[in-house]
Amino acid sequence: MKTGQRGMTLAGLLVGAFVVALGALLGMKVIPEYLEHRQIVGAVKKVAASADAATGVAQVRAAFDRQANVDYITAITGADLEITREAGAIVVSFAYEKRIPLFANVSLLLDFTGSSKE
């Protein structure tokens, strides 16, 4: 017959709580950045789809700025977009990085890229 105690030690509980807290911290700081990236991709595709052959670069940038204002996009502006023409169609692409401070002098660097062609 077993008479030993079973269960989790205090040290195990503290390590588990630390892992859960670290995961929650990363999730709360990283998920909004990925959501904003998805909004940027959607805005870029919307602007590129509405542009025709006569649309100029300045008009595309202004259209993105208007869409970014509506969607509360703050990571990039129309000036950060790279606008090219491929086979008569306008292709809008972008690249940016986001530095997220975690704690003390530790930061997380995320590189985002996207295009209306994808």
C-alpha atoms as a PDB file:
ATOM      1  CA  MET A   1       0.000   0.000   0.000  1.00  0.00           C
ATOM      2  CA  LYS A   2       1.322   3.463  -0.935  1.00  0.00           C
ATOM      3  CA  THR A   3       1.415   5.993   1.833  1.00  0.00           C
ATOM      4  CA  GLY A   4       3.479   8.757   0.137  1.00  0.00           C
ATOM      5  CA  GLN A   5       2.005  12.116  -0.667  1.00  0.00           C
ATOM      6  CA  ARG A   6       1.137  13.028  -4.208  1.00  0.00           C
ATOM      7  CA  GLY A   7       0.838  16.410  -5.836  1.00  0.00           C
ATOM      8  CA  MET A   8       2.815  19.387  -7.015  1.00  0.00           C
ATOM      9  CA  THR A   9       5.596  21.002  -5.041  1.00  0.00           C
ATOM     10  CA  LEU A  10       5.768  24.723  -4.414  1.00  0.00           C
ATOM     11  CA  ALA A  11       8.796  24.982  -6.713  1.00  0.00           C
ATOM     12  CA  GLY A  12       6.896  23.203  -9.493  1.00  0.00           C
ATOM     13  CA  LEU A  13       3.930  25.495  -8.975  1.00  0.00           C
ATOM     14  CA  LEU A  14       6.143  28.598  -9.181  1.00  0.00           C
ATOM     15  CA  VAL A  15       7.909  27.391 -12.342  1.00  0.00           C
ATOM     16  CA  GLY A  16       4.565  26.579 -13.948  1.00  0.00           C
ATOM     17  CA  ALA A  17       3.148  29.981 -12.991  1.00  0.00           C
ATOM     18  CA  PHE A  18       6.236  31.693 -14.420  1.00  0.00           C
ATOM     19  CA  VAL A  19       5.875  29.851 -17.752  1.00  0.00           C
ATOM     20  CA  VAL A  20       2.168  30.717 -17.964  1.00  0.00           C
ATOM     21  CA  ALA A  21       2.855  34.376 -17.068  1.00  0.00           C
ATOM     22  CA  LEU A  22       5.637  34.614 -19.688  1.00  0.00           C
ATOM     23  CA  GLY A  23       3.354  33.093 -22.330  1.00  0.00           C
ATOM     24  CA  ALA A  24       0.564  35.510 -21.425  1.00  0.00           C
ATOM     25  CA  LEU A  25       2.963  38.471 -21.571  1.00  0.00           C
ATOM     26  CA  LEU A  26       4.214  37.476 -25.014  1.00  0.00           C
ATOM     27  CA  GLY A  27       0.685  36.857 -26.250  1.00  0.00           C
ATOM     28  CA  MET A  28      -0.622  40.203 -25.038  1.00  0.00           C
ATOM     29  CA  LYS A  29       2.239  42.073 -26.685  1.00  0.00           C
ATOM     30  CA  VAL A  30       2.640  40.116 -29.951  1.00  0.00           C
ATOM     31  CA  ILE A  31      -0.941  39.331 -30.993  1.00  0.00           C
ATOM     32  CA  PRO A  32      -1.938  43.017 -31.496  1.00  0.00           C
ATOM     33  CA  GLU A  33       1.062  43.504 -33.799  1.00  0.00           C
ATOM     34  CA  TYR A  34       0.023  40.556 -35.967  1.00  0.00           C
ATOM     35  CA  LEU A  35      -3.547  41.851 -36.062  1.00  0.00           C
ATOM     36  CA  GLU A  36      -2.285  45.243 -37.231  1.00  0.00           C
ATOM     37  CA  HIS A  37      -0.165  43.501 -39.885  1.00  0.00           C
ATOM     38  CA  ARG A  38      -3.272  41.734 -41.176  1.00  0.00           C
ATOM     39  CA  GLN A  39      -5.074  45.087 -41.332  1.00  0.00           C
ATOM     40  CA  ILE A  40      -2.170  46.564 -43.303  1.00  0.00           C
ATOM     41  CA  VAL A  41      -2.222  43.672 -45.781  1.00  0.00           C
ATOM     42  CA  GLY A  42      -5.974  44.110 -46.211  1.00  0.00           C
ATOM     43  CA  ALA A  43      -5.641  47.860 -46.743  1.00  0.00           C
ATOM     44  CA  VAL A  44      -2.819  47.393 -49.263  1.00  0.00           C
ATOM     45  CA  LYS A  45      -4.824  44.838 -51.244  1.00  0.00           C
ATOM     46  CA  LYS A  46      -7.915  47.062 -51.164  1.00  0.00           C
ATOM     47  CA  VAL A  47      -5.964  50.086 -52.411  1.00  0.00           C
ATOM     48  CA  ALA A  48      -4.215  48.083 -55.144  1.00  0.00           C
ATOM     49  CA  ALA A  49      -7.503  46.565 -56.308  1.00  0.00           C
ATOM     50  CA  SER A  50      -9.162  49.972 -56.568  1.00  0.00           C
ATOM     51  CA  ALA A  51      -6.273  51.485 -58.549  1.00  0.00           C
ATOM     52  CA  ASP A  52      -6.426  51.450 -62.321  1.00  0.00           C
ATOM     53  CA  ALA A  53      -3.759  52.024 -64.978  1.00  0.00           C
ATOM     54  CA  ALA A  54      -4.158  55.822 -64.784  1.00  0.00           C
ATOM     55  CA  THR A  55      -3.700  55.993 -61.008  1.00  0.00           C
ATOM     56  CA  GLY A  56      -0.494  57.682 -59.933  1.00  0.00           C
ATOM     57  CA  VAL A  57       1.847  56.841 -57.067  1.00  0.00           C
ATOM     58  CA  ALA A  58       0.736  59.859 -55.026  1.00  0.00           C
ATOM     59  CA  GLN A  59      -2.909  58.843 -55.410  1.00  0.00           C
ATOM     60  CA  VAL A  60      -2.156  55.308 -54.201  1.00  0.00           C
ATOM     61  CA  ARG A  61      -0.270  56.663 -51.180  1.00  0.00           C
ATOM     62  CA  ALA A  62      -3.126  59.044 -50.362  1.00  0.00           C
ATOM     63  CA  ALA A  63      -5.675  56.240 -50.708  1.00  0.00           C
ATOM     64  CA  PHE A  64      -3.652  54.081 -48.310  1.00  0.00           C
ATOM     65  CA  ASP A  65      -3.386  56.941 -45.814  1.00  0.00           C
ATOM     66  CA  ARG A  66      -7.175  57.350 -45.887  1.00  0.00           C
ATOM     67  CA  GLN A  67      -7.688  53.613 -45.393  1.00  0.00           C
ATOM     68  CA  ALA A  68      -5.083  53.546 -42.606  1.00  0.00           C
ATOM     69  CA  ASN A  69      -6.902  56.377 -40.876  1.00  0.00           C
ATOM     70  CA  VAL A  70     -10.156  54.412 -40.967  1.00  0.00           C
ATOM     71  CA  ASP A  71      -8.514  51.173 -39.735  1.00  0.00           C
ATOM     72  CA  TYR A  72      -6.344  52.905 -37.075  1.00  0.00           C
ATOM     73  CA  ILE A  73      -3.107  51.690 -38.680  1.00  0.00           C
ATOM     74  CA  THR A  74      -0.120  53.435 -37.105  1.00  0.00           C
ATOM     75  CA  ALA A  75       2.815  51.160 -38.003  1.00  0.00           C
ATOM     76  CA  ILE A  76       3.321  52.532 -41.539  1.00  0.00           C
ATOM     77  CA  THR A  77       2.108  55.378 -43.719  1.00  0.00           C
ATOM     78  CA  GLY A  78       1.648  55.829 -47.432  1.00  0.00           C
ATOM     79  CA  ALA A  79       5.212  57.135 -47.680  1.00  0.00           C
ATOM     80  CA  ASP A  80       6.518  53.725 -46.535  1.00  0.00           C
ATOM     81  CA  LEU A  81       4.899  51.869 -49.424  1.00  0.00           C
ATOM     82  CA  GLU A  82       6.799  50.661 -52.478  1.00  0.00           C
ATOM     83  CA  ILE A  83       4.577  51.022 -55.531  1.00  0.00           C
ATOM     84  CA  THR A  84       5.473  49.369 -58.843  1.00  0.00           C
ATOM     85  CA  ARG A  85       3.701  48.366 -62.033  1.00  0.00           C
ATOM     86  CA  GLU A  86       3.825  44.774 -63.207  1.00  0.00           C
ATOM     87  CA  ALA A  87       2.065  43.760 -66.414  1.00  0.00           C
ATOM     88  CA  GLY A  88      -0.003  46.951 -66.324  1.00  0.00           C
ATOM     89  CA  ALA A  89      -1.246  46.370 -62.781  1.00  0.00           C
ATOM     90  CA  ILE A  90      -0.188  48.303 -59.708  1.00  0.00           C
ATOM     91  CA  VAL A  91       1.630  46.255 -57.079  1.00  0.00           C
ATOM     92  CA  VAL A  92       1.931  47.753 -53.605  1.00  0.00           C
ATOM     93  CA  SER A  93       4.452  46.238 -51.189  1.00  0.00           C
ATOM     94  CA  PHE A  94       5.797  47.159 -47.777  1.00  0.00           C
ATOM     95  CA  ALA A  95       8.316  46.088 -45.164  1.00  0.00           C
ATOM     96  CA  TYR A  96       8.714  47.299 -41.614  1.00  0.00           C
ATOM     97  CA  GLU A  97       9.963  46.118 -38.274  1.00  0.00           C
ATOM     98  CA  LYS A  98       8.393  46.455 -34.870  1.00  0.00           C
ATOM     99  CA  ARG A  99      10.398  46.404 -31.639  1.00  0.00           C
ATOM    100  CA  ILE A 100       8.379  45.307 -28.603  1.00  0.00           C
ATOM    101  CA  PRO A 101       9.925  45.959 -25.178  1.00  0.00           C
ATOM    102  CA  LEU A 102       9.280  42.999 -22.880  1.00  0.00           C
ATOM    103  CA  PHE A 103      11.033  43.747 -19.597  1.00  0.00           C
ATOM    104  CA  ALA A 104      14.208  45.567 -18.484  1.00  0.00           C
ATOM    105  CA  ASN A 105      16.507  45.664 -21.531  1.00  0.00           C
ATOM    106  CA  VAL A 106      14.919  42.689 -23.332  1.00  0.00           C
ATOM    107  CA  SER A 107      13.003  43.412 -26.532  1.00  0.00           C
ATOM    108  CA  LEU A 108      11.387  41.353 -29.245  1.00  0.00           C
ATOM    109  CA  LEU A 109      11.999  42.388 -32.867  1.00  0.00           C
ATOM    110  CA  LEU A 110       9.373  41.430 -35.456  1.00  0.00           C
ATOM    111  CA  ASP A 111       9.980  41.872 -39.204  1.00  0.00           C
ATOM    112  CA  PHE A 112       6.866  42.253 -41.331  1.00  0.00           C
ATOM    113  CA  THR A 113       6.633  42.256 -45.122  1.00  0.00           C
ATOM    114  CA  GLY A 114       3.715  42.057 -47.483  1.00  0.00           C
ATOM    115  CA  SER A 115       2.452  42.815 -50.939  1.00  0.00           C
ATOM    116  CA  SER A 116      -0.808  43.219 -52.794  1.00  0.00           C
ATOM    117  CA  LYS A 117       0.389  40.484 -55.148  1.00  0.00           C
ATOM    118  CA  GLU A 118       0.321  37.687 -52.547  1.00  0.00           C
END
